[in-house]
C-alpha atoms as a PDB file:
ATOM      1  CA  MET A   1      -9.030  14.978  -4.846  1.00  0.00           C
ATOM      2  CA  LYS A   2      -4.987  14.667  -2.996  1.00  0.00           C
ATOM      3  CA  ARG A   3      -3.088  16.825  -1.395  1.00  0.00           C
ATOM      4  CA  PHE A   4       0.249  17.643  -2.768  1.00  0.00           C
ATOM      5  CA  VAL A   5       3.314  19.542  -1.435  1.00  0.00           C
ATOM      6  CA  ILE A   6       5.662  21.712  -3.553  1.00  0.00           C
ATOM      7  CA  VAL A   7       8.590  22.759  -1.575  1.00  0.00           C
ATOM      8  CA  GLY A   8      10.279  25.883  -3.859  1.00  0.00           C
ATOM      9  CA  LEU A   9       8.363  27.956  -6.273  1.00  0.00           C
ATOM     10  CA  GLY A  10      10.824  28.513  -9.106  1.00  0.00           C
ATOM     11  CA  ASN A  11       9.958  28.140 -12.437  1.00  0.00           C
ATOM     12  CA  PHE A  12       9.419  23.890 -12.322  1.00  0.00           C
ATOM     13  CA  GLY A  13       7.825  24.022  -8.620  1.00  0.00           C
ATOM     14  CA  ALA A  14       5.455  26.652  -9.401  1.00  0.00           C
ATOM     15  CA  SER A  15       4.527  24.988 -12.871  1.00  0.00           C
ATOM     16  CA  ILE A  16       4.090  21.874 -10.841  1.00  0.00           C
ATOM     17  CA  ALA A  17       1.912  23.467  -8.493  1.00  0.00           C
ATOM     18  CA  GLU A  18      -0.409  25.514 -10.638  1.00  0.00           C
ATOM     19  CA  THR A  19      -1.183  22.098 -13.184  1.00  0.00           C
ATOM     20  CA  LEU A  20      -2.063  19.617 -10.006  1.00  0.00           C
ATOM     21  CA  ALA A  21      -4.281  22.579  -8.731  1.00  0.00           C
ATOM     22  CA  ALA A  22      -6.257  23.131 -12.366  1.00  0.00           C
ATOM     23  CA  ALA A  23      -6.616  19.647 -12.053  1.00  0.00           C
ATOM     24  CA  GLY A  24      -8.882  19.652  -8.962  1.00  0.00           C
ATOM     25  CA  HIS A  25      -6.320  18.726  -6.414  1.00  0.00           C
ATOM     26  CA  GLU A  26      -5.232  20.857  -2.968  1.00  0.00           C
ATOM     27  CA  VAL A  27      -1.693  22.289  -3.069  1.00  0.00           C
ATOM     28  CA  VAL A  28       0.362  23.162  -0.372  1.00  0.00           C
ATOM     29  CA  ALA A  29       3.586  24.792  -1.219  1.00  0.00           C
ATOM     30  CA  VAL A  30       6.414  26.408   0.952  1.00  0.00           C
ATOM     31  CA  ASP A  31       9.027  28.874  -0.252  1.00  0.00           C
ATOM     32  CA  SER A  32      11.480  31.433   1.685  1.00  0.00           C
ATOM     33  CA  ASP A  33      10.866  34.124  -1.008  1.00  0.00           C
ATOM     34  CA  GLY A  34       7.912  35.947  -0.159  1.00  0.00           C
ATOM     35  CA  ALA A  35       7.275  37.198  -3.744  1.00  0.00           C
ATOM     36  CA  ARG A  36       7.060  33.520  -5.395  1.00  0.00           C
ATOM     37  CA  VAL A  37       4.440  32.876  -2.358  1.00  0.00           C
ATOM     38  CA  ASP A  38       2.446  35.735  -3.180  1.00  0.00           C
ATOM     39  CA  ARG A  39       2.301  35.311  -6.781  1.00  0.00           C
ATOM     40  CA  MET A  40       1.589  31.595  -6.300  1.00  0.00           C
ATOM     41  CA  ALA A  41      -1.181  32.120  -3.595  1.00  0.00           C
ATOM     42  CA  PRO A  42      -4.473  32.897  -5.317  1.00  0.00           C
ATOM     43  CA  LEU A  43      -4.112  29.741  -7.736  1.00  0.00           C
ATOM     44  CA  ILE A  44      -3.466  27.197  -4.867  1.00  0.00           C
ATOM     45  CA  GLU A  45      -4.999  26.077  -1.449  1.00  0.00           C
ATOM     46  CA  ARG A  46      -2.552  27.128   0.519  1.00  0.00           C
ATOM     47  CA  ALA A  47       1.122  29.709   0.032  1.00  0.00           C
ATOM     48  CA  VAL A  48       3.415  29.459   2.792  1.00  0.00           C
ATOM     49  CA  VAL A  49       6.345  31.834   3.404  1.00  0.00           C
ATOM     50  CA  GLY A  50       8.741  29.400   5.195  1.00  0.00           C
ATOM     51  CA  ASP A  51      12.046  27.170   5.242  1.00  0.00           C
ATOM     52  CA  ALA A  52      10.978  23.829   4.331  1.00  0.00           C
ATOM     53  CA  THR A  53      13.534  22.508   5.861  1.00  0.00           C
ATOM     54  CA  GLU A  54      11.941  22.958   9.224  1.00  0.00           C
ATOM     55  CA  ARG A  55       9.499  20.208  10.160  1.00  0.00           C
ATOM     56  CA  ALA A  56       7.442  22.439  12.502  1.00  0.00           C
ATOM     57  CA  VAL A  57       6.906  24.668   9.257  1.00  0.00           C
ATOM     58  CA  LEU A  58       6.041  22.076   7.035  1.00  0.00           C
ATOM     59  CA  GLU A  59       3.712  20.793   9.678  1.00  0.00           C
ATOM     60  CA  LYS A  60       2.043  24.344  10.864  1.00  0.00           C
ATOM     61  CA  ALA A  61       1.534  24.829   6.623  1.00  0.00           C
ATOM     62  CA  GLY A  62      -0.089  21.193   6.256  1.00  0.00           C
ATOM     63  CA  CYS A  63       1.808  18.903   5.049  1.00  0.00           C
ATOM     64  CA  VAL A  64       1.411  16.022   7.365  1.00  0.00           C
ATOM     65  CA  GLY A  65       0.349  12.953   5.842  1.00  0.00           C
ATOM     66  CA  ALA A  66       0.257  14.508   1.954  1.00  0.00           C
ATOM     67  CA  ASP A  67       0.018  12.022  -0.656  1.00  0.00           C
ATOM     68  CA  ALA A  68       2.956  13.027  -2.567  1.00  0.00           C
ATOM     69  CA  ALA A  69       5.904  15.911  -2.454  1.00  0.00           C
ATOM     70  CA  VAL A  70       7.851  17.439  -5.108  1.00  0.00           C
ATOM     71  CA  VAL A  71      10.960  19.125  -3.604  1.00  0.00           C
ATOM     72  CA  SER A  72      12.751  21.319  -6.556  1.00  0.00           C
ATOM     73  CA  VAL A  73      15.071  23.748  -4.333  1.00  0.00           C
ATOM     74  CA  GLY A  74      17.400  24.474  -7.258  1.00  0.00           C
ATOM     75  CA  ASP A  75      21.285  23.031  -6.648  1.00  0.00           C
ATOM     76  CA  ASP A  76      21.207  23.314  -2.845  1.00  0.00           C
ATOM     77  CA  ILE A  77      21.327  19.957  -2.006  1.00  0.00           C
ATOM     78  CA  ALA A  78      21.473  20.375   2.092  1.00  0.00           C
ATOM     79  CA  THR A  79      17.853  21.917   1.704  1.00  0.00           C
ATOM     80  CA  SER A  80      16.582  19.151  -0.597  1.00  0.00           C
ATOM     81  CA  ILE A  81      18.379  16.740   1.796  1.00  0.00           C
ATOM     82  CA  LEU A  82      16.673  18.033   4.625  1.00  0.00           C
ATOM     83  CA  ALA A  83      13.173  19.581   3.268  1.00  0.00           C
ATOM     84  CA  THR A  84      13.015  15.232   2.142  1.00  0.00           C
ATOM     85  CA  LEU A  85      13.668  14.040   5.477  1.00  0.00           C
ATOM     86  CA  ALA A  86      11.451  16.328   7.114  1.00  0.00           C
ATOM     87  CA  LEU A  87       8.714  15.386   4.878  1.00  0.00           C
ATOM     88  CA  LYS A  88       9.141  12.125   5.572  1.00  0.00           C
ATOM     89  CA  ASP A  89       8.923  12.279   8.923  1.00  0.00           C
ATOM     90  CA  LEU A  90       5.175  13.901   8.761  1.00  0.00           C
ATOM     91  CA  GLY A  91       4.666  10.949   6.786  1.00  0.00           C
ATOM     92  CA  VAL A  92       4.531  11.799   3.043  1.00  0.00           C
ATOM     93  CA  THR A  93       5.849   8.492   2.002  1.00  0.00           C
ATOM     94  CA  ILE A  94       6.158   9.765  -1.619  1.00  0.00           C
ATOM     95  CA  VAL A  95       8.885  12.564  -2.328  1.00  0.00           C
ATOM     96  CA  TYR A  96      10.065  13.518  -6.030  1.00  0.00           C
ATOM     97  CA  VAL A  97      12.733  15.848  -6.153  1.00  0.00           C
ATOM     98  CA  LYS A  98      14.459  17.592  -8.337  1.00  0.00           C
ATOM     99  CA  VAL A  99      18.068  17.552  -9.304  1.00  0.00           C
ATOM    100  CA  VAL A 100      20.465  19.408 -11.440  1.00  0.00           C
ATOM    101  CA  SER A 101      23.453  17.081 -11.684  1.00  0.00           C
ATOM    102  CA  VAL A 102      23.947  13.113 -11.347  1.00  0.00           C
ATOM    103  CA  GLU A 103      25.503  13.729  -8.553  1.00  0.00           C
ATOM    104  CA  HIS A 104      22.561  15.604  -6.711  1.00  0.00           C
ATOM    105  CA  ALA A 105      20.726  12.211  -7.637  1.00  0.00           C
ATOM    106  CA  ARG A 106      22.551   9.974  -6.302  1.00  0.00           C
ATOM    107  CA  VAL A 107      22.660  11.888  -3.079  1.00  0.00           C
ATOM    108  CA  MET A 108      18.628  12.495  -2.964  1.00  0.00           C
ATOM    109  CA  GLU A 109      18.213   8.306  -4.058  1.00  0.00           C
ATOM    110  CA  THR A 110      20.490   7.708  -0.671  1.00  0.00           C
ATOM    111  CA  GLN A 111      18.504  10.007   1.210  1.00  0.00           C
ATOM    112  CA  GLY A 112      14.939   8.329   0.376  1.00  0.00           C
ATOM    113  CA  ALA A 113      13.571  10.108  -2.593  1.00  0.00           C
ATOM    114  CA  THR A 114      11.241   8.157  -4.194  1.00  0.00           C
ATOM    115  CA  GLU A 115      12.172   9.543  -7.834  1.00  0.00           C
ATOM    116  CA  THR A 116      14.501  12.167  -8.967  1.00  0.00           C
ATOM    117  CA  VAL A 117      13.547  14.739 -11.600  1.00  0.00           C
ATOM    118  CA  PHE A 118      15.954  16.106 -14.054  1.00  0.00           C
ATOM    119  CA  PRO A 119      13.973  18.250 -16.517  1.00  0.00           C
ATOM    120  CA  GLU A 120      17.273  20.212 -17.861  1.00  0.00           C
ATOM    121  CA  ARG A 121      18.769  17.006 -18.807  1.00  0.00           C
ATOM    122  CA  ASP A 122      15.010  15.277 -19.839  1.00  0.00           C
ATOM    123  CA  SER A 123      14.366  18.275 -21.860  1.00  0.00           C
ATOM    124  CA  ALA A 124      18.084  18.158 -23.611  1.00  0.00           C
ATOM    125  CA  ILE A 125      17.468  14.516 -25.021  1.00  0.00           C
ATOM    126  CA  GLY A 126      14.486  14.827 -25.863  1.00  0.00           C
ATOM    127  CA  LEU A 127      15.059  17.529 -28.364  1.00  0.00           C
ATOM    128  CA  GLY A 128      18.811  16.184 -29.226  1.00  0.00           C
ATOM    129  CA  HIS A 129      16.461  13.241 -30.419  1.00  0.00           C
ATOM    130  CA  ARG A 130      13.793  15.297 -32.519  1.00  0.00           C
ATOM    131  CA  LEU A 131      16.765  17.211 -34.257  1.00  0.00           C
ATOM    132  CA  SER A 132      18.536  13.890 -35.008  1.00  0.00           C
ATOM    133  CA  GLY A 133      15.497  11.657 -35.408  1.00  0.00           C
ATOM    134  CA  PRO A 134      13.404  11.490 -38.759  1.00  0.00           C
ATOM    135  CA  ALA A 135      11.580  14.373 -40.081  1.00  0.00           C
ATOM    136  CA  GLY A 136       8.309  13.251 -38.769  1.00  0.00           C
ATOM    137  CA  LEU A 137       9.283  13.076 -35.197  1.00  0.00           C
ATOM    138  CA  LEU A 138       7.307  15.913 -32.889  1.00  0.00           C
ATOM    139  CA  ASN A 139       7.669  14.528 -29.343  1.00  0.00           C
ATOM    140  CA  TYR A 140      10.132  11.873 -27.544  1.00  0.00           C
ATOM    141  CA  VAL A 141       9.947  10.786 -23.921  1.00  0.00           C
ATOM    142  CA  ASN A 142      12.861   8.094 -22.812  1.00  0.00           C
ATOM    143  CA  LEU A 143      10.903   5.096 -20.723  1.00  0.00           C
ATOM    144  CA  GLY A 144      14.193   3.446 -20.033  1.00  0.00           C
ATOM    145  CA  PRO A 145      17.499   2.190 -21.817  1.00  0.00           C
ATOM    146  CA  GLY A 146      16.213   1.372 -25.137  1.00  0.00           C
ATOM    147  CA  PHE A 147      11.943   2.360 -24.704  1.00  0.00           C
ATOM    148  CA  SER A 148      10.453   5.607 -25.208  1.00  0.00           C
ATOM    149  CA  VAL A 149       7.167   7.066 -26.110  1.00  0.00           C
ATOM    150  CA  GLN A 150       6.924   8.957 -29.120  1.00  0.00           C
ATOM    151  CA  GLU A 151       4.854  11.507 -31.347  1.00  0.00           C
ATOM    152  CA  MET A 152       5.148  11.728 -34.948  1.00  0.00           C
ATOM    153  CA  ASP A 153       3.674  12.718 -37.924  1.00  0.00           C
ATOM    154  CA  VAL A 154       1.467   9.770 -39.967  1.00  0.00           C
ATOM    155  CA  PRO A 155       3.718   8.282 -42.633  1.00  0.00           C
ATOM    156  CA  THR A 156       2.475   9.310 -46.422  1.00  0.00           C
ATOM    157  CA  ALA A 157       1.586   5.424 -46.546  1.00  0.00           C
ATOM    158  CA  TRP A 158      -0.686   5.270 -44.068  1.00  0.00           C
ATOM    159  CA  GLU A 159      -2.995   7.852 -44.787  1.00  0.00           C
ATOM    160  CA  GLY A 160      -6.402   6.702 -45.537  1.00  0.00           C
ATOM    161  CA  GLN A 161      -5.732   3.395 -43.743  1.00  0.00           C
ATOM    162  CA  THR A 162      -7.178   2.403 -40.276  1.00  0.00           C
ATOM    163  CA  LEU A 163      -5.426   1.512 -37.323  1.00  0.00           C
ATOM    164  CA  ARG A 164      -7.163  -2.237 -37.753  1.00  0.00           C
ATOM    165  CA  GLU A 165      -5.779  -2.418 -41.167  1.00  0.00           C
ATOM    166  CA  LEU A 166      -2.042  -1.403 -39.976  1.00  0.00           C
ATOM    167  CA  ASN A 167      -2.320  -3.471 -37.133  1.00  0.00           C
ATOM    168  CA  LEU A 168       0.893  -2.041 -35.233  1.00  0.00           C
ATOM    169  CA  ARG A 169       1.348  -4.418 -32.706  1.00  0.00           C
ATOM    170  CA  GLN A 170       1.822  -6.757 -34.827  1.00  0.00           C
ATOM    171  CA  ARG A 171       4.094  -5.526 -37.585  1.00  0.00           C
ATOM    172  CA  TYR A 172       5.802  -2.797 -35.695  1.00  0.00           C
ATOM    173  CA  ARG A 173       5.370  -4.237 -31.788  1.00  0.00           C
ATOM    174  CA  VAL A 174       4.780  -0.674 -30.615  1.00  0.00           C
ATOM    175  CA  GLN A 175       1.072   0.701 -29.006  1.00  0.00           C
ATOM    176  CA  VAL A 176      -0.504   3.451 -30.321  1.00  0.00           C
ATOM    177  CA  LEU A 177      -1.360   5.668 -27.088  1.00  0.00           C
ATOM    178  CA  ALA A 178      -3.191   8.232 -28.297  1.00  0.00           C
ATOM    179  CA  LEU A 179      -3.978  10.112 -31.902  1.00  0.00           C
ATOM    180  CA  ARG A 180      -3.766  14.208 -31.851  1.00  0.00           C
ATOM    181  CA  ASP A 181      -5.397  16.265 -34.661  1.00  0.00           C
ATOM    182  CA  MET A 182      -2.706  18.669 -35.813  1.00  0.00           C
ATOM    183  CA  GLU A 183      -5.106  20.848 -37.086  1.00  0.00           C
ATOM    184  CA  SER A 184      -6.965  21.174 -34.194  1.00  0.00           C
ATOM    185  CA  GLY A 185      -4.568  20.134 -30.921  1.00  0.00           C
ATOM    186  CA  VAL A 186      -6.860  17.934 -30.007  1.00  0.00           C
ATOM    187  CA  LEU A 187      -5.925  14.670 -28.101  1.00  0.00           C
ATOM    188  CA  VAL A 188      -7.495  11.366 -28.697  1.00  0.00           C
ATOM    189  CA  PRO A 189      -6.809   8.778 -25.854  1.00  0.00           C
ATOM    190  CA  VAL A 190      -7.427   5.323 -27.246  1.00  0.00           C
ATOM    191  CA  PRO A 191      -8.467   6.524 -30.955  1.00  0.00           C
ATOM    192  CA  ASP A 192     -10.901   4.727 -32.785  1.00  0.00           C
ATOM    193  CA  PRO A 193      -9.003   1.820 -34.577  1.00  0.00           C
ATOM    194  CA  ASP A 194     -11.573   2.279 -37.392  1.00  0.00           C
ATOM    195  CA  ARG A 195     -10.749   5.886 -38.308  1.00  0.00           C
ATOM    196  CA  ARG A 196      -8.755   6.368 -41.163  1.00  0.00           C
ATOM    197  CA  LEU A 197      -5.652   8.681 -40.550  1.00  0.00           C
ATOM    198  CA  THR A 198      -5.169  11.613 -42.238  1.00  0.00           C
ATOM    199  CA  ALA A 199      -2.105  13.581 -43.360  1.00  0.00           C
ATOM    200  CA  ALA A 200      -3.310  15.923 -39.983  1.00  0.00           C
ATOM    201  CA  ASP A 201      -3.045  13.282 -37.543  1.00  0.00           C
ATOM    202  CA  ALA A 202       0.233  12.370 -35.223  1.00  0.00           C
ATOM    203  CA  LEU A 203       0.075   9.210 -33.218  1.00  0.00           C
ATOM    204  CA  LEU A 204       1.547   8.843 -29.983  1.00  0.00           C
ATOM    205  CA  MET A 205       3.523   5.544 -29.701  1.00  0.00           C
ATOM    206  CA  ALA A 206       5.272   3.488 -27.089  1.00  0.00           C
ATOM    207  CA  GLY A 207       7.373   0.496 -27.878  1.00  0.00           C
ATOM    208  CA  ARG A 208      11.247  -0.283 -27.828  1.00  0.00           C
ATOM    209  CA  GLU A 209      13.330   2.550 -29.933  1.00  0.00           C
ATOM    210  CA  ARG A 210      14.563   0.411 -33.107  1.00  0.00           C
ATOM    211  CA  ASP A 211      11.075  -0.782 -33.566  1.00  0.00           C
ATOM    212  CA  LEU A 212       9.808   2.860 -33.264  1.00  0.00           C
ATOM    213  CA  GLU A 213      12.565   3.607 -35.584  1.00  0.00           C
ATOM    214  CA  LYS A 214      10.789   1.264 -38.259  1.00  0.00           C
ATOM    215  CA  VAL A 215       7.936   3.018 -37.796  1.00  0.00           C
ATOM    216  CA  ALA A 216       9.473   5.993 -38.713  1.00  0.00           C
ATOM    217  CA  ARG A 217      10.879   4.631 -41.910  1.00  0.00           C
ATOM    218  CA  ALA A 218       7.992   2.894 -43.164  1.00  0.00           C
END
């Protein structure tokens, strides 16, 4: 079990807090809005009303030496900066910060944020790729320039074949990460290479986008 700190319990912060708690981790959350704290209190280890820019508030809440923190305070750049600095002063070395603009991200990177997260932009990019991509593209996650993870329907020509027979790493230079049964919704990581694919299957694959585009045209 790890201990995580969530600063800000808007939709983004609350969702992360609930997900981490459901996975069995200790979650400490701080927000200045009492109503938000009250909603989250039954779901996590500790929820505190307070100013997360104050080191004393974070220390009293139990944030000292936490494994990681997520700062999600909307477009309040000053609060993002001060909360990040306070967390680092308390020994939290890994701090993710939700940002609302490129400028916000640049500021937080100069202040020592481990990583900035831009959920609106990332969601928009993913949806744009799904809309402009092939009909079978179900999900898209960018990994960096020219690389992504994509979930797509099994091409008709592959139905009845196995992953071993298809030999996708050699033919297309992509890696199959998981298989999803679309009828049951079950995701199978590291699927059986000898299981025959069906029309109800979807494959989660990682690789260069140009190689994944070739897969989509198969």
